[in-house]
Amino acid sequence: MNLMEKTFIQLFNNVHVFSFLKNIIQYLVSFALFFNVYRNFDLFTAAIGLAGFVFAYQSVYYYNDIIDLAEDKNDEIKKRIKPLARKEILAEFYVIKIFVYMIFGLLLCFAVSWLFGALVVGTLFLNFIHSTPRIRLKKTPFVGVNFFLLQALKFSAGWIALASAQQLLEVPYYVIGLFAAAYTLGYLVYKKNHLHSRKILSEKPVNISLFAILAFAFLILSFLQYNFKAQIAILFFSSLLFLIPMKNRSLRRVVSGSAISLLVYLLFIISLFIF
């Protein structure tokens, strides 16, 4: 086990720390796109928007942990990365965290703009219908569509926080769609517990095939439509790392996949600032 794997496994000992980092990077994707297009931004607004988005959305992980507690207790991977499943913390403490994070985060979001606040409320709502027992879309055929919409909102957050009325009309929707479709594809593959890419291609689950095609279509459209073609190329070639086969659904596999995801995002973000 190399140093990177050890570092990420330490992060995964409390999955909420990793989720916090992941949401920062998701926000930075469209923030970097905004900077690449306009070469100007309000640093204070960007910082308040980032803090509001990350804190508000962090509340959903505590909610999901409470809802999924019975299931997580029987999952060896979830028990290793979720303190509640390991019985290291009380559910009542998570309830307090849900309200504190949500209220504080939304106050910051609405301070940025009503539209940005509404966007973050939308992400909370879509996660709610994804997870709540009465609806629980993640157990239905609609999981892919709902998850795609959720990720599209999250990946566009940085742009929406900074944009003027005119700039709202210039959101690079194809790139946002690419990230949302690719993220949804990764989520569905993980939930299907496929072992490697060859098995994914041979079994061809409907949702997985749909979002694989959608991600490829958005990739081509993004390359043809926008000026940052070098960055799109970097995104594509770095994404090929996901084709590395994994032996089983182990913590090491989850960690490796997550590390690759963050690496791909960061390479794209950095390239947008450099070129």
Protein backbone atom coordinates (compact mmCIF):
# COMPACT_ATOMS: atom_id res chain seq x y z
CA MET A 1 0.00 0.00 0.00
CA ASN A 2 1.55 3.31 -1.11
CA LEU A 3 1.52 6.66 0.69
CA MET A 4 -1.43 8.03 -1.32
CA GLU A 5 -3.60 5.02 -0.52
CA LYS A 6 -2.72 5.27 3.18
CA THR A 7 -3.61 8.98 3.17
CA PHE A 8 -6.98 8.42 1.54
CA ILE A 9 -7.81 5.52 3.83
CA GLN A 10 -7.15 7.83 6.78
CA LEU A 11 -9.57 10.33 5.23
CA PHE A 12 -12.11 7.56 4.76
CA ASN A 13 -11.98 6.61 8.42
CA ASN A 14 -14.50 9.45 8.70
CA VAL A 15 -16.25 9.74 5.35
CA HIS A 16 -17.61 13.20 6.23
CA VAL A 17 -14.12 14.68 6.03
CA PHE A 18 -13.72 13.29 2.54
CA SER A 19 -17.21 14.49 1.55
CA PHE A 20 -16.32 17.99 2.72
CA LEU A 21 -13.24 17.96 0.48
CA LYS A 22 -15.16 16.49 -2.46
CA ASN A 23 -17.84 19.19 -2.32
CA ILE A 24 -15.21 21.92 -2.25
CA ILE A 25 -13.75 20.49 -5.44
CA GLN A 26 -17.19 20.15 -7.07
CA TYR A 27 -17.83 23.85 -6.40
CA LEU A 28 -14.40 24.74 -7.80
CA VAL A 29 -15.15 23.06 -11.15
CA SER A 30 -17.64 25.71 -12.31
CA PHE A 31 -15.77 28.42 -10.42
CA ALA A 32 -12.68 27.59 -12.49
CA LEU A 33 -14.81 27.58 -15.65
CA PHE A 34 -16.10 31.05 -14.74
CA PHE A 35 -12.56 32.31 -14.20
CA ASN A 36 -11.35 30.81 -17.47
CA VAL A 37 -14.10 32.56 -19.43
CA TYR A 38 -14.12 35.99 -17.75
CA ARG A 39 -10.68 36.19 -16.04
CA ASN A 40 -12.33 38.15 -13.24
CA PHE A 41 -14.38 37.34 -10.15
CA ASP A 42 -15.41 38.68 -6.74
CA LEU A 43 -13.23 36.81 -4.24
CA PHE A 44 -15.49 37.59 -1.26
CA THR A 45 -18.61 36.34 -3.05
CA ALA A 46 -16.79 33.22 -4.22
CA ALA A 47 -15.61 32.45 -0.66
CA ILE A 48 -19.04 33.03 0.93
CA GLY A 49 -20.68 30.94 -1.77
CA LEU A 50 -18.19 28.12 -1.25
CA ALA A 51 -18.66 28.11 2.54
CA GLY A 52 -22.44 28.26 2.27
CA PHE A 53 -22.64 25.48 -0.32
CA VAL A 54 -20.28 23.14 1.52
CA PHE A 55 -21.83 23.62 4.96
CA ALA A 56 -25.43 23.38 3.77
CA TYR A 57 -24.82 20.27 1.71
CA GLN A 58 -22.77 18.64 4.44
CA SER A 59 -26.00 18.29 6.41
CA VAL A 60 -27.32 15.70 3.95
CA TYR A 61 -24.57 13.21 4.83
CA TYR A 62 -25.60 13.21 8.48
CA TYR A 63 -29.24 12.79 7.42
CA ASN A 64 -28.33 9.91 5.09
CA ASP A 65 -26.31 8.19 7.82
CA ILE A 66 -29.31 8.23 10.15
CA ILE A 67 -31.68 6.97 7.45
CA ASP A 68 -29.30 4.22 6.31
CA LEU A 69 -28.07 3.19 9.76
CA ALA A 70 -29.64 -0.28 9.79
CA GLU A 71 -28.26 -1.03 6.32
CA ASP A 72 -24.81 0.42 7.05
CA LYS A 73 -24.37 -1.73 10.15
CA ASN A 74 -24.36 -4.80 7.91
CA ASP A 75 -21.94 -3.38 5.35
CA GLU A 76 -18.28 -3.90 6.22
CA ILE A 77 -17.09 -0.97 4.12
CA LYS A 78 -19.71 1.43 5.51
CA LYS A 79 -18.87 0.36 9.07
CA ARG A 80 -15.24 1.29 8.49
CA ILE A 81 -15.95 4.76 7.13
CA LYS A 82 -19.06 5.88 9.03
CA PRO A 83 -18.72 6.68 12.76
CA LEU A 84 -22.46 6.25 13.35
CA ALA A 85 -22.39 2.73 11.92
CA ARG A 86 -19.41 1.97 14.17
CA LYS A 87 -21.44 3.22 17.18
CA GLU A 88 -18.82 5.87 17.93
CA ILE A 89 -21.39 8.67 18.03
CA LEU A 90 -25.07 9.12 18.89
CA ALA A 91 -27.70 9.75 16.23
CA GLU A 92 -29.02 12.66 18.32
CA PHE A 93 -25.71 14.47 17.81
CA TYR A 94 -26.11 14.07 14.06
CA VAL A 95 -29.61 15.60 14.26
CA ILE A 96 -28.09 18.70 15.88
CA LYS A 97 -25.43 18.84 13.18
CA ILE A 98 -28.05 18.58 10.43
CA PHE A 99 -29.87 21.72 11.59
CA VAL A 100 -26.74 23.71 12.46
CA TYR A 101 -24.98 23.00 9.16
CA MET A 102 -28.11 23.49 7.07
CA ILE A 103 -29.23 26.76 8.65
CA PHE A 104 -25.75 28.28 8.74
CA GLY A 105 -25.00 27.19 5.17
CA LEU A 106 -28.30 28.42 3.73
CA LEU A 107 -27.94 31.80 5.43
CA LEU A 108 -24.61 32.23 3.65
CA CYS A 109 -26.06 31.01 0.34
CA PHE A 110 -28.99 33.42 0.39
CA ALA A 111 -26.58 36.20 1.37
CA VAL A 112 -24.85 35.60 -1.99
CA SER A 113 -28.12 35.73 -3.96
CA TRP A 114 -31.64 34.39 -3.90
CA LEU A 115 -30.90 32.31 -6.98
CA PHE A 116 -27.83 30.70 -5.43
CA GLY A 117 -29.76 30.00 -2.24
CA ALA A 118 -32.55 28.41 -4.28
CA LEU A 119 -30.00 26.26 -6.13
CA VAL A 120 -28.61 24.89 -2.87
CA VAL A 121 -32.13 24.29 -1.53
CA GLY A 122 -32.73 22.35 -4.77
CA THR A 123 -29.74 20.11 -4.06
CA LEU A 124 -31.05 19.41 -0.55
CA PHE A 125 -34.50 18.57 -1.93
CA LEU A 126 -33.17 16.24 -4.61
CA ASN A 127 -31.04 14.44 -2.02
CA PHE A 128 -34.08 14.18 0.27
CA ILE A 129 -36.21 12.41 -2.35
CA HIS A 130 -33.17 10.28 -3.21
CA SER A 131 -32.82 8.99 0.35
CA THR A 132 -35.97 9.47 2.42
CA PRO A 133 -37.79 6.19 3.19
CA ARG A 134 -41.19 7.43 1.94
CA ILE A 135 -39.85 8.12 -1.57
CA ARG A 136 -36.31 6.65 -1.74
CA LEU A 137 -35.65 7.19 -5.44
CA LYS A 138 -32.27 5.50 -5.08
CA LYS A 139 -34.14 2.18 -4.93
CA THR A 140 -36.22 2.92 -8.07
CA PRO A 141 -35.53 3.13 -11.83
CA PHE A 142 -35.57 6.94 -11.47
CA VAL A 143 -32.36 7.00 -9.44
CA GLY A 144 -30.21 7.95 -12.42
CA VAL A 145 -32.32 10.91 -13.54
CA ASN A 146 -32.64 12.33 -10.04
CA PHE A 147 -28.94 11.86 -9.29
CA PHE A 148 -27.97 13.48 -12.59
CA LEU A 149 -30.07 16.58 -11.80
CA LEU A 150 -28.56 16.74 -8.31
CA GLN A 151 -25.01 16.62 -9.62
CA ALA A 152 -25.77 19.15 -12.37
CA LEU A 153 -26.84 21.64 -9.70
CA LYS A 154 -23.77 20.90 -7.56
CA PHE A 155 -21.31 21.23 -10.43
CA SER A 156 -22.86 24.55 -11.53
CA ALA A 157 -22.82 26.09 -8.03
CA GLY A 158 -19.54 27.99 -8.42
CA TRP A 159 -20.69 29.69 -11.63
CA ILE A 160 -24.17 30.57 -10.29
CA ALA A 161 -22.67 32.13 -7.16
CA LEU A 162 -20.60 34.58 -9.23
CA ALA A 163 -22.70 35.20 -12.32
CA SER A 164 -24.52 38.37 -13.30
CA ALA A 165 -27.89 38.12 -15.07
CA GLN A 166 -26.17 38.02 -18.47
CA GLN A 167 -23.57 35.51 -17.34
CA LEU A 168 -26.32 33.17 -16.15
CA LEU A 169 -27.24 32.74 -19.81
CA GLU A 170 -23.67 31.72 -20.63
CA VAL A 171 -23.29 28.75 -18.28
CA PRO A 172 -21.30 26.02 -20.11
CA TYR A 173 -24.15 23.53 -19.86
CA TYR A 174 -22.42 20.84 -21.91
CA VAL A 175 -19.44 20.72 -19.51
CA ILE A 176 -21.76 20.71 -16.49
CA GLY A 177 -23.74 17.92 -18.15
CA LEU A 178 -20.52 16.00 -18.79
CA PHE A 179 -19.48 16.13 -15.14
CA ALA A 180 -22.99 15.30 -13.92
CA ALA A 181 -23.39 12.36 -16.31
CA ALA A 182 -19.90 10.98 -15.54
CA TYR A 183 -20.45 11.31 -11.79
CA THR A 184 -23.84 9.58 -12.09
CA LEU A 185 -22.25 6.81 -14.13
CA GLY A 186 -19.64 6.27 -11.42
CA TYR A 187 -22.32 6.18 -8.74
CA LEU A 188 -24.39 3.61 -10.61
CA VAL A 189 -21.38 1.40 -11.30
CA TYR A 190 -20.43 1.49 -7.62
CA LYS A 191 -23.98 0.64 -6.53
CA LYS A 192 -24.14 -2.23 -9.01
CA ASN A 193 -20.96 -3.58 -7.39
CA HIS A 194 -19.31 -4.40 -10.72
CA LEU A 195 -15.81 -5.77 -10.50
CA HIS A 196 -14.22 -4.26 -13.58
CA SER A 197 -14.92 -2.49 -16.86
CA ARG A 198 -15.27 -5.68 -18.93
CA LYS A 199 -18.13 -6.90 -16.74
CA ILE A 200 -19.83 -3.50 -16.92
CA LEU A 201 -19.73 -3.61 -20.72
CA SER A 202 -20.94 -7.21 -20.93
CA GLU A 203 -23.94 -6.86 -18.61
CA LYS A 204 -25.09 -3.48 -19.98
CA PRO A 205 -27.53 -2.34 -17.28
CA VAL A 206 -29.92 0.21 -18.82
CA ASN A 207 -29.07 3.13 -16.51
CA ILE A 208 -25.33 2.55 -16.83
CA SER A 209 -25.44 2.34 -20.62
CA LEU A 210 -27.63 5.46 -20.81
CA PHE A 211 -25.30 7.63 -18.74
CA ALA A 212 -22.20 6.27 -20.45
CA ILE A 213 -23.65 7.39 -23.79
CA LEU A 214 -24.80 10.69 -22.29
CA ALA A 215 -21.37 11.43 -20.83
CA PHE A 216 -19.68 10.69 -24.16
CA ALA A 217 -22.18 12.91 -26.00
CA PHE A 218 -21.56 15.80 -23.61
CA LEU A 219 -17.81 15.28 -24.02
CA ILE A 220 -18.03 15.64 -27.81
CA LEU A 221 -20.39 18.63 -27.58
CA SER A 222 -18.12 20.33 -25.03
CA PHE A 223 -15.07 19.85 -27.23
CA LEU A 224 -16.87 21.26 -30.28
CA GLN A 225 -18.62 24.15 -28.50
CA TYR A 226 -16.06 25.73 -26.16
CA ASN A 227 -12.64 27.29 -26.48
CA PHE A 228 -11.05 25.33 -23.63
CA LYS A 229 -10.41 22.28 -25.82
CA ALA A 230 -7.05 21.46 -24.23
CA GLN A 231 -8.72 21.22 -20.82
CA ILE A 232 -11.44 18.95 -22.21
CA ALA A 233 -8.72 16.73 -23.69
CA ILE A 234 -6.94 16.60 -20.32
CA LEU A 235 -10.24 15.65 -18.69
CA PHE A 236 -10.82 12.84 -21.18
CA PHE A 237 -7.36 11.29 -21.03
CA SER A 238 -7.11 11.53 -17.24
CA SER A 239 -10.52 9.81 -17.00
CA LEU A 240 -9.06 6.74 -18.67
CA LEU A 241 -7.55 5.92 -15.28
CA PHE A 242 -11.00 4.62 -14.32
CA LEU A 243 -10.51 1.71 -16.71
CA ILE A 244 -7.93 0.21 -14.34
CA PRO A 245 -9.65 -2.98 -13.13
CA MET A 246 -10.30 -3.55 -9.43
CA LYS A 247 -10.39 -7.01 -7.93
CA ASN A 248 -13.35 -6.63 -5.59
CA ARG A 249 -15.65 -4.25 -3.75
CA SER A 250 -13.19 -3.51 -0.97
CA LEU A 251 -12.29 -0.37 0.93
CA ARG A 252 -9.14 -0.19 -1.18
CA ARG A 253 -11.24 -0.19 -4.36
CA VAL A 254 -13.47 2.60 -3.03
CA VAL A 255 -10.46 4.63 -1.95
CA SER A 256 -8.70 4.16 -5.29
CA GLY A 257 -11.78 5.17 -7.27
CA SER A 258 -12.34 8.25 -5.11
CA ALA A 259 -8.68 9.26 -5.34
CA ILE A 260 -8.81 9.02 -9.13
CA SER A 261 -12.00 11.13 -9.17
CA LEU A 262 -10.38 13.90 -7.16
CA LEU A 263 -7.25 13.75 -9.31
CA VAL A 264 -9.30 14.11 -12.51
CA TYR A 265 -11.24 17.06 -11.08
CA LEU A 266 -8.10 18.79 -9.84
CA LEU A 267 -6.25 18.38 -13.14
CA PHE A 268 -9.19 19.95 -14.96
CA ILE A 269 -9.49 22.82 -12.45
CA ILE A 270 -5.76 23.57 -12.51
CA SER A 271 -5.66 23.48 -16.30
CA LEU A 272 -8.48 26.06 -16.44
CA PHE A 273 -6.46 28.45 -14.26
CA ILE A 274 -3.18 27.90 -16.15
CA PHE A 275 -4.27 27.96 -19.82
